[in-house]
C-alpha atoms as a PDB file:
ATOM      1  CA  PRO A   1      68.002 112.975  87.753  1.00  0.00           C
ATOM      2  CA  ALA A   2      64.986 114.160  89.782  1.00  0.00           C
ATOM      3  CA  GLY A   3      65.248 111.531  92.511  1.00  0.00           C
ATOM      4  CA  ILE A   4      62.080 110.644  94.412  1.00  0.00           C
ATOM      5  CA  CYS A   5      59.126 112.468  92.834  1.00  0.00           C
ATOM      6  CA  VAL A   6      55.385 112.992  93.103  1.00  0.00           C
ATOM      7  CA  LEU A   7      53.250 114.097  90.162  1.00  0.00           C
ATOM      8  CA  LEU A   8      49.724 115.284  91.008  1.00  0.00           C
ATOM      9  CA  TRP A   9      46.874 115.728  88.508  1.00  0.00           C
ATOM     10  CA  HIS A  10      44.518 118.670  89.133  1.00  0.00           C
ATOM     11  CA  PRO A  11      41.439 117.888  86.984  1.00  0.00           C
ATOM     12  CA  GLY A  12      39.591 121.154  87.645  1.00  0.00           C
ATOM     13  CA  LYS A  13      42.618 123.144  86.492  1.00  0.00           C
ATOM     14  CA  ASN A  14      43.645 120.698  83.735  1.00  0.00           C
ATOM     15  CA  LEU A  15      47.274 120.629  84.880  1.00  0.00           C
ATOM     16  CA  TYR A  16      49.860 118.667  86.843  1.00  0.00           C
ATOM     17  CA  THR A  17      52.136 119.757  89.675  1.00  0.00           C
ATOM     18  CA  GLY A  18      55.462 118.033  90.169  1.00  0.00           C
ATOM     19  CA  TYR A  19      57.532 117.731  93.335  1.00  0.00           C
ATOM     20  CA  ALA A  20      61.052 116.310  93.018  1.00  0.00           C
ATOM     21  CA  HIS A  21      64.186 115.502  95.036  1.00  0.00           C
ATOM     22  CA  LEU A  22      62.053 114.306  97.962  1.00  0.00           C
ATOM     23  CA  SER A  23      63.637 112.240 100.743  1.00  0.00           C
ATOM     24  CA  ARG A  24      60.483 110.111 100.848  1.00  0.00           C
ATOM     25  CA  THR A  25      56.795 110.177  99.975  1.00  0.00           C
ATOM     26  CA  VAL A  26      53.867 109.500 102.298  1.00  0.00           C
ATOM     27  CA  ILE A  27      51.249 108.810  99.622  1.00  0.00           C
ATOM     28  CA  ASP A  28      50.853 105.921  97.198  1.00  0.00           C
ATOM     29  CA  SER A  29      50.233 105.979  93.470  1.00  0.00           C
ATOM     30  CA  GLY A  30      46.527 106.450  92.758  1.00  0.00           C
ATOM     31  CA  ASN A  31      45.730 108.108  96.103  1.00  0.00           C
ATOM     32  CA  THR A  32      43.370 111.076  96.166  1.00  0.00           C
ATOM     33  CA  VAL A  33      45.137 114.019  97.804  1.00  0.00           C
ATOM     34  CA  LYS A  34      43.393 116.872  99.605  1.00  0.00           C
ATOM     35  CA  LYS A  35      44.512 120.492  99.752  1.00  0.00           C
ATOM     36  CA  GLY A  36      47.089 120.896 102.517  1.00  0.00           C
ATOM     37  CA  GLN A  37      47.768 117.158 102.821  1.00  0.00           C
ATOM     38  CA  LEU A  38      51.375 116.061 103.346  1.00  0.00           C
ATOM     39  CA  ILE A  39      52.664 114.229 100.256  1.00  0.00           C
ATOM     40  CA  GLY A  40      56.360 113.889 101.072  1.00  0.00           C
ATOM     41  CA  TYR A  41      59.458 115.367 102.642  1.00  0.00           C
ATOM     42  CA  SER A  42      62.009 117.648 101.017  1.00  0.00           C
ATOM     43  CA  GLY A  43      65.321 115.958 100.423  1.00  0.00           C
ATOM     44  CA  ASN A  44      68.393 115.645  98.263  1.00  0.00           C
ATOM     45  CA  THR A  45      67.704 112.629  96.040  1.00  0.00           C
ATOM     46  CA  GLY A  46      68.728 112.622  92.393  1.00  0.00           C
ATOM     47  CA  GLN A  47      71.257 115.002  90.873  1.00  0.00           C
ATOM     48  CA  VAL A  48      71.464 117.774  93.472  1.00  0.00           C
ATOM     49  CA  THR A  49      74.079 119.676  95.441  1.00  0.00           C
ATOM     50  CA  GLY A  50      71.946 120.014  98.566  1.00  0.00           C
ATOM     51  CA  PRO A  51      68.459 119.427  99.973  1.00  0.00           C
ATOM     52  CA  HIS A  52      65.629 121.358  98.335  1.00  0.00           C
ATOM     53  CA  LEU A  53      62.201 120.957  96.740  1.00  0.00           C
ATOM     54  CA  HIS A  54      61.927 121.166  92.966  1.00  0.00           C
ATOM     55  CA  PHE A  55      58.356 122.328  92.181  1.00  0.00           C
ATOM     56  CA  GLU A  56      56.876 122.724  88.731  1.00  0.00           C
ATOM     57  CA  VAL A  57      53.519 123.213  87.021  1.00  0.00           C
ATOM     58  CA  LEU A  58      52.786 121.438  83.735  1.00  0.00           C
ATOM     59  CA  PRO A  59      49.730 121.766  81.479  1.00  0.00           C
ATOM     60  CA  ALA A  60      47.778 118.619  80.578  1.00  0.00           C
ATOM     61  CA  ASN A  61      49.291 118.538  77.080  1.00  0.00           C
ATOM     62  CA  PRO A  62      52.716 120.124  77.456  1.00  0.00           C
ATOM     63  CA  SER A  63      54.808 121.247  74.527  1.00  0.00           C
ATOM     64  CA  ILE A  64      58.290 119.784  74.672  1.00  0.00           C
ATOM     65  CA  LYS A  65      59.855 122.756  72.918  1.00  0.00           C
ATOM     66  CA  PRO A  66      62.588 124.875  74.522  1.00  0.00           C
ATOM     67  CA  PRO A  67      63.068 126.962  76.537  1.00  0.00           C
ATOM     68  CA  TYR A  68      60.554 125.665  79.101  1.00  0.00           C
ATOM     69  CA  TYR A  69      59.895 122.135  77.804  1.00  0.00           C
ATOM     70  CA  GLY A  70      56.205 122.285  78.710  1.00  0.00           C
ATOM     71  CA  ARG A  71      56.572 123.835  82.148  1.00  0.00           C
ATOM     72  CA  ILE A  72      54.590 126.959  82.940  1.00  0.00           C
ATOM     73  CA  ASN A  73      55.059 129.789  85.435  1.00  0.00           C
ATOM     74  CA  PRO A  74      53.786 128.508  88.831  1.00  0.00           C
ATOM     75  CA  ARG A  75      53.237 131.995  90.294  1.00  0.00           C
ATOM     76  CA  PRO A  76      49.516 132.261  89.315  1.00  0.00           C
ATOM     77  CA  TYR A  77      48.832 128.984  91.155  1.00  0.00           C
ATOM     78  CA  LEU A  78      50.537 129.896  94.434  1.00  0.00           C
ATOM     79  CA  PRO A  79      48.769 131.610  97.356  1.00  0.00           C
END
């Protein structure tokens, strides 16, 4: 349902960031990514009604309980 995705591990923060519904990626699995580096292009892959980026932050050991299913508020991690 999420189409083309990228999941990045942030070891210093002990969390993952997820980017979904991309039209394509420009990195390969296992690549090291630097801050500000392009990882892909927004798109409309998967179950969507229009192009957009689905962004989420997940802790290293997420709980799968509702209502957030392991996802956490991304606001503290955004500039």
